[in-house]
Amino acid sequence: MWGLIDPRTGEARSIEIKDIHSQLEKLVLHEGVPEKVRIHFDTTRNLFLYSWFVWRFRAVAEWHAFATLELALKIKSKRERKKNKLSCLINEAIRNGWVKNESFSIWQSAKQGYEEQKIIMKEILTQEELESNQADVDEFIYDYVKILRKGLPCMRNEYAHGSNMLGPGTYVHLLIVSEFINQLFMENKGT
């Protein structure tokens, strides 16, 4: 949790504030996202940065990220003034095709890992074993948006209803939220 492995040297080193800055470079909403959502998310980014000094700001950053996602979903669905459950808004985004598995970096990494594993399996399994497991080898089935449909509201509720939950996964959660929001407004990206 407190160190990183340098991929070039394989050596462990302590996390530094420059690592937080490096992560922040990946947590950006594109220009097509409404300004009010981008400003809201900038607060999330600042909370994440200041978590270097106050670890508990990570929980606040995550909660704020989920609130930003909810705001973005309300704007996209044109229900900004209405009360809607986050889970219903996420369902609408999935149903309308506003978010897709392929646009999440976690899904892309999982698919790449699957493809690499598939190559290894073909090298080590006999032809008979390959044929009996062909369905498992041929197709990558991982419905990430289905996982998000259940997981994001649960995480948001954990913070919204009072929790002392604190963990090292903040960056990943902020990345998921930023990728989700960016997908919602892809049609505006070029403007």
N, C-alpha and C. Protein backbone atom coordinates (compact mmCIF):
# COMPACT_ATOMS: atom_id res chain seq x y z
N MET A 1 0.82 -1.20 0.00
CA MET A 1 0.00 0.00 0.00
C MET A 1 0.86 1.26 0.00
N TRP A 2 2.00 1.21 0.60
CA TRP A 2 2.80 2.42 0.77
C TRP A 2 4.00 2.46 -0.16
N GLY A 3 4.10 1.51 -1.06
CA GLY A 3 5.24 1.48 -1.96
C GLY A 3 4.82 1.09 -3.36
N LEU A 4 5.72 1.27 -4.28
CA LEU A 4 5.50 0.91 -5.68
C LEU A 4 6.68 0.08 -6.16
N ILE A 5 6.42 -0.79 -7.11
CA ILE A 5 7.48 -1.54 -7.76
C ILE A 5 7.80 -0.82 -9.06
N ASP A 6 9.03 -0.44 -9.23
CA ASP A 6 9.47 0.21 -10.46
C ASP A 6 9.50 -0.85 -11.55
N PRO A 7 8.66 -0.73 -12.61
CA PRO A 7 8.61 -1.78 -13.63
C PRO A 7 9.92 -1.93 -14.41
N ARG A 8 10.72 -0.88 -14.44
CA ARG A 8 11.99 -0.95 -15.18
C ARG A 8 13.05 -1.72 -14.40
N THR A 9 13.11 -1.48 -13.08
CA THR A 9 14.17 -2.08 -12.29
C THR A 9 13.70 -3.24 -11.42
N GLY A 10 12.39 -3.31 -11.15
CA GLY A 10 11.85 -4.33 -10.27
C GLY A 10 12.05 -4.01 -8.79
N GLU A 11 12.58 -2.85 -8.51
CA GLU A 11 12.83 -2.46 -7.12
C GLU A 11 11.64 -1.73 -6.53
N ALA A 12 11.45 -1.94 -5.23
CA ALA A 12 10.38 -1.25 -4.51
C ALA A 12 10.88 0.13 -4.08
N ARG A 13 9.97 1.08 -4.07
CA ARG A 13 10.29 2.41 -3.58
C ARG A 13 9.06 2.97 -2.89
N SER A 14 9.27 3.94 -2.05
CA SER A 14 8.16 4.59 -1.35
C SER A 14 7.34 5.43 -2.32
N ILE A 15 6.05 5.50 -2.06
CA ILE A 15 5.19 6.38 -2.85
C ILE A 15 5.57 7.82 -2.55
N GLU A 16 5.57 8.64 -3.58
CA GLU A 16 5.90 10.06 -3.45
C GLU A 16 4.74 10.88 -3.98
N ILE A 17 4.70 12.14 -3.65
CA ILE A 17 3.60 12.99 -4.11
C ILE A 17 3.58 13.07 -5.64
N LYS A 18 4.74 12.91 -6.26
CA LYS A 18 4.77 12.93 -7.74
C LYS A 18 3.93 11.78 -8.31
N ASP A 19 3.79 10.69 -7.56
CA ASP A 19 2.96 9.57 -8.01
C ASP A 19 1.49 9.97 -8.02
N ILE A 20 1.08 10.76 -7.03
CA ILE A 20 -0.30 11.26 -6.99
C ILE A 20 -0.53 12.19 -8.19
N HIS A 21 0.44 13.07 -8.45
CA HIS A 21 0.32 13.98 -9.60
C HIS A 21 0.23 13.18 -10.91
N SER A 22 1.00 12.11 -11.01
CA SER A 22 0.96 11.27 -12.20
C SER A 22 -0.43 10.63 -12.38
N GLN A 23 -1.01 10.19 -11.27
CA GLN A 23 -2.36 9.61 -11.34
C GLN A 23 -3.38 10.68 -11.73
N LEU A 24 -3.21 11.88 -11.20
CA LEU A 24 -4.16 12.96 -11.51
C LEU A 24 -4.19 13.28 -13.00
N GLU A 25 -3.07 13.11 -13.69
CA GLU A 25 -3.01 13.37 -15.13
C GLU A 25 -3.97 12.45 -15.90
N LYS A 26 -4.29 11.29 -15.32
CA LYS A 26 -5.18 10.33 -15.97
C LYS A 26 -6.64 10.54 -15.58
N LEU A 27 -6.87 11.38 -14.58
CA LEU A 27 -8.23 11.63 -14.08
C LEU A 27 -8.74 12.97 -14.62
N VAL A 28 -8.96 13.00 -15.92
CA VAL A 28 -9.38 14.23 -16.58
C VAL A 28 -10.67 13.99 -17.35
N LEU A 29 -11.59 14.92 -17.22
CA LEU A 29 -12.82 14.87 -18.01
C LEU A 29 -12.61 15.70 -19.26
N HIS A 30 -13.02 15.17 -20.41
CA HIS A 30 -12.81 15.87 -21.67
C HIS A 30 -13.70 17.10 -21.78
N GLU A 31 -13.41 17.95 -22.74
CA GLU A 31 -14.10 19.24 -22.91
C GLU A 31 -15.58 19.09 -23.25
N GLY A 32 -15.99 17.93 -23.73
CA GLY A 32 -17.39 17.72 -24.05
C GLY A 32 -18.27 17.49 -22.82
N VAL A 33 -17.65 17.22 -21.69
CA VAL A 33 -18.39 17.06 -20.44
C VAL A 33 -18.82 18.45 -19.98
N PRO A 34 -20.08 18.63 -19.58
CA PRO A 34 -20.53 19.96 -19.14
C PRO A 34 -19.60 20.55 -18.08
N GLU A 35 -19.39 21.85 -18.20
CA GLU A 35 -18.46 22.54 -17.31
C GLU A 35 -18.79 22.33 -15.83
N LYS A 36 -20.05 22.34 -15.50
CA LYS A 36 -20.43 22.18 -14.10
C LYS A 36 -20.00 20.82 -13.56
N VAL A 37 -20.00 19.79 -14.39
CA VAL A 37 -19.54 18.47 -13.99
C VAL A 37 -18.02 18.46 -13.86
N ARG A 38 -17.33 19.10 -14.82
CA ARG A 38 -15.87 19.16 -14.75
C ARG A 38 -15.40 19.90 -13.50
N ILE A 39 -16.06 20.99 -13.16
CA ILE A 39 -15.71 21.74 -11.95
C ILE A 39 -15.95 20.88 -10.71
N HIS A 40 -17.08 20.19 -10.70
CA HIS A 40 -17.40 19.31 -9.58
C HIS A 40 -16.33 18.23 -9.42
N PHE A 41 -15.90 17.66 -10.55
CA PHE A 41 -14.88 16.61 -10.51
C PHE A 41 -13.51 17.17 -10.12
N ASP A 42 -13.24 18.43 -10.46
CA ASP A 42 -11.98 19.04 -10.03
C ASP A 42 -11.86 19.07 -8.51
N THR A 43 -12.98 19.23 -7.82
CA THR A 43 -12.97 19.16 -6.35
C THR A 43 -12.54 17.76 -5.91
N THR A 44 -13.04 16.75 -6.59
CA THR A 44 -12.64 15.37 -6.31
C THR A 44 -11.13 15.22 -6.48
N ARG A 45 -10.62 15.75 -7.58
CA ARG A 45 -9.18 15.64 -7.87
C ARG A 45 -8.36 16.34 -6.78
N ASN A 46 -8.81 17.51 -6.35
CA ASN A 46 -8.09 18.23 -5.30
C ASN A 46 -8.11 17.47 -3.98
N LEU A 47 -9.25 16.88 -3.66
CA LEU A 47 -9.33 16.07 -2.44
C LEU A 47 -8.36 14.89 -2.51
N PHE A 48 -8.28 14.28 -3.69
CA PHE A 48 -7.36 13.16 -3.87
C PHE A 48 -5.91 13.63 -3.70
N LEU A 49 -5.57 14.77 -4.27
CA LEU A 49 -4.22 15.31 -4.12
C LEU A 49 -3.90 15.58 -2.65
N TYR A 50 -4.82 16.21 -1.96
CA TYR A 50 -4.57 16.55 -0.56
C TYR A 50 -4.63 15.33 0.37
N SER A 51 -5.07 14.21 -0.15
CA SER A 51 -5.04 12.99 0.65
C SER A 51 -3.60 12.56 0.91
N TRP A 52 -2.67 13.13 0.16
CA TRP A 52 -1.25 12.88 0.44
C TRP A 52 -0.92 13.36 1.86
N PHE A 53 -1.57 14.46 2.26
CA PHE A 53 -1.31 15.05 3.56
C PHE A 53 -2.28 14.54 4.64
N VAL A 54 -3.52 14.25 4.21
CA VAL A 54 -4.55 13.77 5.14
C VAL A 54 -5.19 12.54 4.49
N TRP A 55 -4.76 11.35 4.91
CA TRP A 55 -5.20 10.09 4.30
C TRP A 55 -6.73 9.99 4.25
N ARG A 56 -7.41 10.49 5.27
CA ARG A 56 -8.87 10.38 5.33
C ARG A 56 -9.57 11.16 4.22
N PHE A 57 -8.88 12.06 3.55
CA PHE A 57 -9.48 12.77 2.42
C PHE A 57 -9.79 11.81 1.27
N ARG A 58 -9.17 10.65 1.27
CA ARG A 58 -9.45 9.67 0.22
C ARG A 58 -10.92 9.25 0.24
N ALA A 59 -11.45 9.02 1.42
CA ALA A 59 -12.87 8.65 1.53
C ALA A 59 -13.75 9.79 1.05
N VAL A 60 -13.40 11.01 1.38
CA VAL A 60 -14.17 12.17 0.94
C VAL A 60 -14.06 12.32 -0.58
N ALA A 61 -12.88 12.07 -1.12
CA ALA A 61 -12.69 12.15 -2.58
C ALA A 61 -13.56 11.13 -3.30
N GLU A 62 -13.61 9.92 -2.76
CA GLU A 62 -14.44 8.88 -3.38
C GLU A 62 -15.91 9.26 -3.31
N TRP A 63 -16.37 9.68 -2.14
CA TRP A 63 -17.77 10.07 -2.01
C TRP A 63 -18.09 11.20 -2.99
N HIS A 64 -17.19 12.17 -3.10
CA HIS A 64 -17.43 13.29 -4.01
C HIS A 64 -17.44 12.83 -5.47
N ALA A 65 -16.59 11.88 -5.80
CA ALA A 65 -16.58 11.34 -7.16
C ALA A 65 -17.92 10.70 -7.50
N PHE A 66 -18.47 9.93 -6.56
CA PHE A 66 -19.77 9.31 -6.81
C PHE A 66 -20.87 10.36 -6.94
N ALA A 67 -20.77 11.43 -6.16
CA ALA A 67 -21.74 12.53 -6.29
C ALA A 67 -21.60 13.20 -7.66
N THR A 68 -20.37 13.31 -8.16
CA THR A 68 -20.15 13.88 -9.49
C THR A 68 -20.75 12.98 -10.56
N LEU A 69 -20.58 11.68 -10.41
CA LEU A 69 -21.17 10.74 -11.35
C LEU A 69 -22.69 10.89 -11.37
N GLU A 70 -23.28 11.00 -10.20
CA GLU A 70 -24.73 11.15 -10.12
C GLU A 70 -25.18 12.45 -10.80
N LEU A 71 -24.44 13.53 -10.58
CA LEU A 71 -24.75 14.80 -11.25
C LEU A 71 -24.67 14.64 -12.77
N ALA A 72 -23.61 14.01 -13.24
CA ALA A 72 -23.43 13.81 -14.68
C ALA A 72 -24.57 12.98 -15.28
N LEU A 73 -24.96 11.92 -14.57
CA LEU A 73 -26.06 11.08 -15.05
C LEU A 73 -27.38 11.84 -15.09
N LYS A 74 -27.62 12.69 -14.10
CA LYS A 74 -28.85 13.49 -14.08
C LYS A 74 -28.87 14.47 -15.25
N ILE A 75 -27.73 15.10 -15.52
CA ILE A 75 -27.65 16.04 -16.65
C ILE A 75 -27.86 15.29 -17.96
N LYS A 76 -27.19 14.17 -18.12
CA LYS A 76 -27.31 13.39 -19.36
C LYS A 76 -28.73 12.92 -19.59
N SER A 77 -29.40 12.48 -18.53
CA SER A 77 -30.76 11.97 -18.66
C SER A 77 -31.82 13.07 -18.59
N LYS A 78 -31.34 14.32 -18.47
CA LYS A 78 -32.23 15.49 -18.40
C LYS A 78 -33.19 15.42 -17.21
N ARG A 79 -32.66 14.93 -16.08
CA ARG A 79 -33.45 14.85 -14.85
C ARG A 79 -32.73 15.54 -13.70
N GLU A 80 -32.07 16.63 -14.02
CA GLU A 80 -31.23 17.31 -13.03
C GLU A 80 -32.00 17.76 -11.80
N ARG A 81 -33.23 18.13 -11.96
CA ARG A 81 -34.01 18.65 -10.84
C ARG A 81 -34.82 17.58 -10.11
N LYS A 82 -34.80 16.37 -10.64
CA LYS A 82 -35.60 15.30 -10.04
C LYS A 82 -34.73 14.40 -9.19
N LYS A 83 -35.37 13.80 -8.19
CA LYS A 83 -34.66 12.82 -7.38
C LYS A 83 -34.74 11.47 -8.08
N ASN A 84 -33.58 10.89 -8.28
CA ASN A 84 -33.49 9.57 -8.90
C ASN A 84 -32.44 8.77 -8.17
N LYS A 85 -32.68 7.48 -8.06
CA LYS A 85 -31.68 6.62 -7.45
C LYS A 85 -30.51 6.47 -8.41
N LEU A 86 -29.31 6.45 -7.85
CA LEU A 86 -28.12 6.27 -8.67
C LEU A 86 -28.22 4.99 -9.49
N SER A 87 -28.71 3.93 -8.89
CA SER A 87 -28.81 2.66 -9.61
C SER A 87 -29.73 2.78 -10.82
N CYS A 88 -30.81 3.54 -10.69
CA CYS A 88 -31.74 3.73 -11.83
C CYS A 88 -31.07 4.53 -12.94
N LEU A 89 -30.31 5.53 -12.55
CA LEU A 89 -29.60 6.35 -13.54
C LEU A 89 -28.53 5.53 -14.27
N ILE A 90 -27.82 4.68 -13.53
CA ILE A 90 -26.82 3.81 -14.16
C ILE A 90 -27.50 2.82 -15.10
N ASN A 91 -28.62 2.25 -14.68
CA ASN A 91 -29.37 1.34 -15.55
C ASN A 91 -29.76 2.03 -16.85
N GLU A 92 -30.21 3.27 -16.75
CA GLU A 92 -30.59 4.03 -17.95
C GLU A 92 -29.38 4.22 -18.87
N ALA A 93 -28.23 4.54 -18.28
CA ALA A 93 -27.01 4.74 -19.08
C ALA A 93 -26.63 3.46 -19.82
N ILE A 94 -26.75 2.33 -19.14
CA ILE A 94 -26.41 1.06 -19.76
C ILE A 94 -27.44 0.71 -20.84
N ARG A 95 -28.71 0.86 -20.51
CA ARG A 95 -29.80 0.54 -21.45
C ARG A 95 -29.69 1.38 -22.73
N ASN A 96 -29.31 2.64 -22.59
CA ASN A 96 -29.20 3.53 -23.75
C ASN A 96 -27.87 3.43 -24.48
N GLY A 97 -26.97 2.59 -23.98
CA GLY A 97 -25.67 2.42 -24.64
C GLY A 97 -24.73 3.58 -24.43
N TRP A 98 -24.97 4.39 -23.40
CA TRP A 98 -24.08 5.54 -23.13
C TRP A 98 -22.75 5.08 -22.58
N VAL A 99 -22.72 3.91 -21.94
CA VAL A 99 -21.47 3.34 -21.44
C VAL A 99 -21.33 1.92 -21.96
N LYS A 100 -20.09 1.55 -22.27
CA LYS A 100 -19.81 0.23 -22.82
C LYS A 100 -18.57 -0.35 -22.15
N ASN A 101 -18.57 -1.66 -22.01
CA ASN A 101 -17.42 -2.35 -21.42
C ASN A 101 -16.10 -1.89 -22.03
N GLU A 102 -16.06 -1.84 -23.36
CA GLU A 102 -14.83 -1.59 -24.10
C GLU A 102 -14.19 -0.25 -23.78
N SER A 103 -14.94 0.68 -23.22
CA SER A 103 -14.40 2.01 -22.94
C SER A 103 -13.87 2.16 -21.52
N PHE A 104 -13.84 1.07 -20.77
CA PHE A 104 -13.26 1.10 -19.42
C PHE A 104 -11.88 0.44 -19.47
N SER A 105 -10.88 1.13 -18.96
CA SER A 105 -9.52 0.59 -18.99
C SER A 105 -9.39 -0.70 -18.20
N ILE A 106 -10.18 -0.87 -17.15
CA ILE A 106 -10.12 -2.12 -16.37
C ILE A 106 -10.60 -3.29 -17.23
N TRP A 107 -11.66 -3.08 -18.01
CA TRP A 107 -12.15 -4.12 -18.90
C TRP A 107 -11.09 -4.43 -19.97
N GLN A 108 -10.47 -3.39 -20.51
CA GLN A 108 -9.43 -3.59 -21.53
C GLN A 108 -8.26 -4.40 -20.98
N SER A 109 -7.84 -4.08 -19.75
CA SER A 109 -6.74 -4.83 -19.12
C SER A 109 -7.13 -6.28 -18.89
N ALA A 110 -8.36 -6.51 -18.46
CA ALA A 110 -8.83 -7.88 -18.24
C ALA A 110 -8.85 -8.65 -19.55
N LYS A 111 -9.29 -8.02 -20.61
CA LYS A 111 -9.33 -8.68 -21.92
C LYS A 111 -7.92 -9.00 -22.39
N GLN A 112 -7.01 -8.07 -22.22
CA GLN A 112 -5.62 -8.32 -22.62
C GLN A 112 -5.04 -9.50 -21.82
N GLY A 113 -5.30 -9.52 -20.52
CA GLY A 113 -4.85 -10.64 -19.69
C GLY A 113 -5.44 -11.96 -20.15
N TYR A 114 -6.72 -11.92 -20.53
CA TYR A 114 -7.39 -13.12 -21.02
C TYR A 114 -6.73 -13.61 -22.32
N GLU A 115 -6.44 -12.68 -23.22
CA GLU A 115 -5.81 -13.06 -24.49
C GLU A 115 -4.43 -13.66 -24.26
N GLU A 116 -3.68 -13.10 -23.31
CA GLU A 116 -2.36 -13.64 -22.98
C GLU A 116 -2.49 -15.04 -22.38
N GLN A 117 -3.48 -15.21 -21.50
CA GLN A 117 -3.70 -16.51 -20.87
C GLN A 117 -4.14 -17.54 -21.92
N LYS A 118 -4.92 -17.11 -22.87
CA LYS A 118 -5.40 -18.01 -23.93
C LYS A 118 -4.21 -18.55 -24.74
N ILE A 119 -3.24 -17.71 -25.02
CA ILE A 119 -2.05 -18.13 -25.76
C ILE A 119 -1.28 -19.16 -24.95
N ILE A 120 -1.13 -18.90 -23.65
CA ILE A 120 -0.41 -19.82 -22.77
C ILE A 120 -1.15 -21.16 -22.70
N MET A 121 -2.48 -21.10 -22.58
CA MET A 121 -3.26 -22.34 -22.51
C MET A 121 -3.08 -23.18 -23.77
N LYS A 122 -3.04 -22.52 -24.92
CA LYS A 122 -2.87 -23.27 -26.18
C LYS A 122 -1.50 -23.92 -26.25
N GLU A 123 -0.52 -23.33 -25.56
CA GLU A 123 0.83 -23.90 -25.57
C GLU A 123 0.97 -25.08 -24.61
N ILE A 124 0.24 -25.06 -23.49
CA ILE A 124 0.46 -26.10 -22.47
C ILE A 124 -0.59 -27.21 -22.47
N LEU A 125 -1.77 -26.95 -23.02
CA LEU A 125 -2.81 -27.98 -23.03
C LEU A 125 -2.66 -28.90 -24.24
N THR A 126 -3.06 -30.13 -24.06
CA THR A 126 -3.08 -31.06 -25.19
C THR A 126 -4.25 -30.69 -26.09
N GLN A 127 -4.25 -31.22 -27.29
CA GLN A 127 -5.34 -30.95 -28.23
C GLN A 127 -6.68 -31.38 -27.65
N GLU A 128 -6.69 -32.55 -26.97
CA GLU A 128 -7.92 -33.05 -26.37
C GLU A 128 -8.42 -32.10 -25.27
N GLU A 129 -7.52 -31.62 -24.43
CA GLU A 129 -7.90 -30.69 -23.36
C GLU A 129 -8.42 -29.38 -23.95
N LEU A 130 -7.77 -28.93 -25.02
CA LEU A 130 -8.23 -27.70 -25.68
C LEU A 130 -9.64 -27.86 -26.22
N GLU A 131 -9.91 -28.99 -26.87
CA GLU A 131 -11.23 -29.23 -27.43
C GLU A 131 -12.30 -29.31 -26.36
N SER A 132 -11.98 -29.91 -25.21
CA SER A 132 -12.98 -30.03 -24.15
C SER A 132 -13.21 -28.69 -23.43
N ASN A 133 -12.28 -27.78 -23.53
CA ASN A 133 -12.41 -26.46 -22.89
C ASN A 133 -12.56 -25.35 -23.91
N GLN A 134 -12.91 -25.68 -25.15
CA GLN A 134 -12.91 -24.71 -26.24
C GLN A 134 -13.80 -23.51 -25.95
N ALA A 135 -14.96 -23.73 -25.37
CA ALA A 135 -15.86 -22.60 -25.08
C ALA A 135 -15.20 -21.62 -24.12
N ASP A 136 -14.48 -22.13 -23.14
CA ASP A 136 -13.79 -21.27 -22.19
C ASP A 136 -12.63 -20.53 -22.84
N VAL A 137 -12.02 -21.13 -23.84
CA VAL A 137 -10.83 -20.55 -24.47
C VAL A 137 -11.21 -19.54 -25.55
N ASP A 138 -12.31 -19.77 -26.23
CA ASP A 138 -12.63 -18.96 -27.40
C ASP A 138 -13.16 -17.57 -27.11
N GLU A 139 -13.93 -17.41 -26.07
CA GLU A 139 -14.66 -16.15 -25.92
C GLU A 139 -14.37 -15.48 -24.58
N PHE A 140 -14.16 -14.18 -24.65
CA PHE A 140 -13.95 -13.37 -23.45
C PHE A 140 -15.30 -12.83 -23.01
N ILE A 141 -15.79 -13.31 -21.88
CA ILE A 141 -17.10 -12.88 -21.38
C ILE A 141 -16.87 -12.23 -20.02
N TYR A 142 -17.01 -10.93 -20.00
CA TYR A 142 -16.79 -10.18 -18.77
C TYR A 142 -17.60 -8.90 -18.89
N ASP A 143 -18.79 -8.92 -18.32
CA ASP A 143 -19.69 -7.78 -18.44
C ASP A 143 -19.42 -6.79 -17.31
N TYR A 144 -18.48 -5.90 -17.56
CA TYR A 144 -18.03 -4.96 -16.54
C TYR A 144 -19.11 -3.97 -16.14
N VAL A 145 -19.90 -3.50 -17.11
CA VAL A 145 -20.95 -2.53 -16.75
C VAL A 145 -21.99 -3.16 -15.84
N LYS A 146 -22.19 -4.46 -15.95
CA LYS A 146 -23.11 -5.16 -15.05
C LYS A 146 -22.56 -5.13 -13.62
N ILE A 147 -21.26 -5.29 -13.48
CA ILE A 147 -20.61 -5.20 -12.17
C ILE A 147 -20.75 -3.79 -11.62
N LEU A 148 -20.53 -2.79 -12.47
CA LEU A 148 -20.64 -1.40 -12.03
C LEU A 148 -22.07 -1.05 -11.63
N ARG A 149 -23.04 -1.63 -12.33
CA ARG A 149 -24.45 -1.38 -12.04
C ARG A 149 -24.76 -1.68 -10.58
N LYS A 150 -24.18 -2.72 -10.05
CA LYS A 150 -24.41 -3.09 -8.65
C LYS A 150 -23.40 -2.44 -7.71
N GLY A 151 -22.16 -2.39 -8.13
CA GLY A 151 -21.09 -1.95 -7.25
C GLY A 151 -21.04 -0.47 -6.95
N LEU A 152 -21.24 0.37 -7.96
CA LEU A 152 -21.13 1.82 -7.73
C LEU A 152 -22.16 2.35 -6.73
N PRO A 153 -23.44 1.98 -6.87
CA PRO A 153 -24.39 2.47 -5.85
C PRO A 153 -24.06 1.97 -4.44
N CYS A 154 -23.57 0.74 -4.33
CA CYS A 154 -23.21 0.22 -3.00
C CYS A 154 -22.06 1.02 -2.39
N MET A 155 -21.05 1.31 -3.19
CA MET A 155 -19.93 2.09 -2.68
C MET A 155 -20.36 3.50 -2.30
N ARG A 156 -21.17 4.11 -3.18
CA ARG A 156 -21.66 5.46 -2.89
C ARG A 156 -22.46 5.46 -1.59
N ASN A 157 -23.33 4.49 -1.43
CA ASN A 157 -24.16 4.41 -0.22
C ASN A 157 -23.33 4.20 1.03
N GLU A 158 -22.27 3.45 0.89
CA GLU A 158 -21.38 3.21 2.04
C GLU A 158 -20.88 4.55 2.60
N TYR A 159 -20.51 5.46 1.71
CA TYR A 159 -20.03 6.77 2.15
C TYR A 159 -21.18 7.70 2.53
N ALA A 160 -22.24 7.69 1.72
CA ALA A 160 -23.34 8.65 1.92
C ALA A 160 -24.07 8.45 3.23
N HIS A 161 -24.10 7.23 3.72
CA HIS A 161 -24.85 6.94 4.94
C HIS A 161 -23.95 6.80 6.16
N GLY A 162 -22.73 7.29 6.03
CA GLY A 162 -21.81 7.29 7.17
C GLY A 162 -21.00 6.02 7.24
N SER A 163 -19.71 6.16 7.06
CA SER A 163 -18.83 5.00 7.08
C SER A 163 -17.42 5.46 7.42
N ASN A 164 -16.67 4.58 8.02
CA ASN A 164 -15.27 4.86 8.23
C ASN A 164 -14.40 4.03 7.28
N MET A 165 -15.01 3.54 6.20
CA MET A 165 -14.31 2.75 5.20
C MET A 165 -13.16 3.59 4.62
N LEU A 166 -12.00 3.00 4.60
CA LEU A 166 -10.82 3.69 4.09
C LEU A 166 -9.88 2.65 3.52
N GLY A 167 -9.53 2.80 2.27
CA GLY A 167 -8.66 1.80 1.65
C GLY A 167 -7.80 2.40 0.58
N PRO A 168 -6.95 1.58 -0.02
CA PRO A 168 -6.02 2.06 -1.03
C PRO A 168 -6.60 2.15 -2.44
N GLY A 169 -7.87 1.80 -2.63
CA GLY A 169 -8.45 1.74 -3.97
C GLY A 169 -8.99 3.04 -4.52
N THR A 170 -8.73 4.14 -3.87
CA THR A 170 -9.31 5.41 -4.27
C THR A 170 -9.02 5.76 -5.72
N TYR A 171 -7.77 5.64 -6.14
CA TYR A 171 -7.43 6.02 -7.51
C TYR A 171 -8.25 5.22 -8.52
N VAL A 172 -8.37 3.92 -8.29
CA VAL A 172 -9.12 3.07 -9.23
C VAL A 172 -10.58 3.51 -9.28
N HIS A 173 -11.16 3.83 -8.13
CA HIS A 173 -12.56 4.27 -8.12
C HIS A 173 -12.72 5.60 -8.85
N LEU A 174 -11.77 6.50 -8.67
CA LEU A 174 -11.85 7.79 -9.38
C LEU A 174 -11.66 7.60 -10.88
N LEU A 175 -10.80 6.67 -11.26
CA LEU A 175 -10.60 6.38 -12.68
C LEU A 175 -11.88 5.82 -13.29
N ILE A 176 -12.53 4.91 -12.61
CA ILE A 176 -13.79 4.34 -13.10
C ILE A 176 -14.82 5.45 -13.30
N VAL A 177 -14.95 6.32 -12.31
CA VAL A 177 -15.93 7.41 -12.41
C VAL A 177 -15.58 8.34 -13.57
N SER A 178 -14.32 8.69 -13.72
CA SER A 178 -13.94 9.61 -14.82
C SER A 178 -14.20 8.96 -16.18
N GLU A 179 -13.89 7.67 -16.32
CA GLU A 179 -14.15 7.00 -17.60
C GLU A 179 -15.65 6.87 -17.86
N PHE A 180 -16.42 6.64 -16.83
CA PHE A 180 -17.87 6.54 -16.95
C PHE A 180 -18.43 7.89 -17.43
N ILE A 181 -18.03 8.96 -16.76
CA ILE A 181 -18.54 10.30 -17.13
C ILE A 181 -18.10 10.68 -18.54
N ASN A 182 -16.85 10.42 -18.89
CA ASN A 182 -16.38 10.75 -20.23
C ASN A 182 -17.20 10.03 -21.30
N GLN A 183 -17.60 8.79 -21.03
CA GLN A 183 -18.42 8.06 -22.00
C GLN A 183 -19.80 8.69 -22.17
N LEU A 184 -20.35 9.19 -21.08
CA LEU A 184 -21.69 9.78 -21.14
C LEU A 184 -21.78 10.91 -22.14
N PHE A 185 -20.68 11.64 -22.32
CA PHE A 185 -20.71 12.84 -23.15
C PHE A 185 -19.78 12.73 -24.35
N MET A 186 -19.59 11.51 -24.85
CA MET A 186 -18.70 11.31 -26.00
C MET A 186 -19.14 12.07 -27.23
N GLU A 187 -20.45 12.19 -27.41
CA GLU A 187 -20.92 12.88 -28.61
C GLU A 187 -20.54 14.37 -28.59
N ASN A 188 -20.22 14.91 -27.43
CA ASN A 188 -19.83 16.31 -27.30
C ASN A 188 -18.32 16.52 -27.30
N LYS A 189 -17.56 15.43 -27.38
CA LYS A 189 -16.11 15.52 -27.19
C LYS A 189 -15.45 16.45 -28.19
N GLY A 190 -15.89 16.44 -29.41
CA GLY A 190 -15.24 17.26 -30.44
C GLY A 190 -15.63 18.71 -30.40
N THR A 191 -16.60 19.08 -29.58
CA THR A 191 -17.05 20.47 -29.57
C THR A 191 -16.36 21.29 -28.53
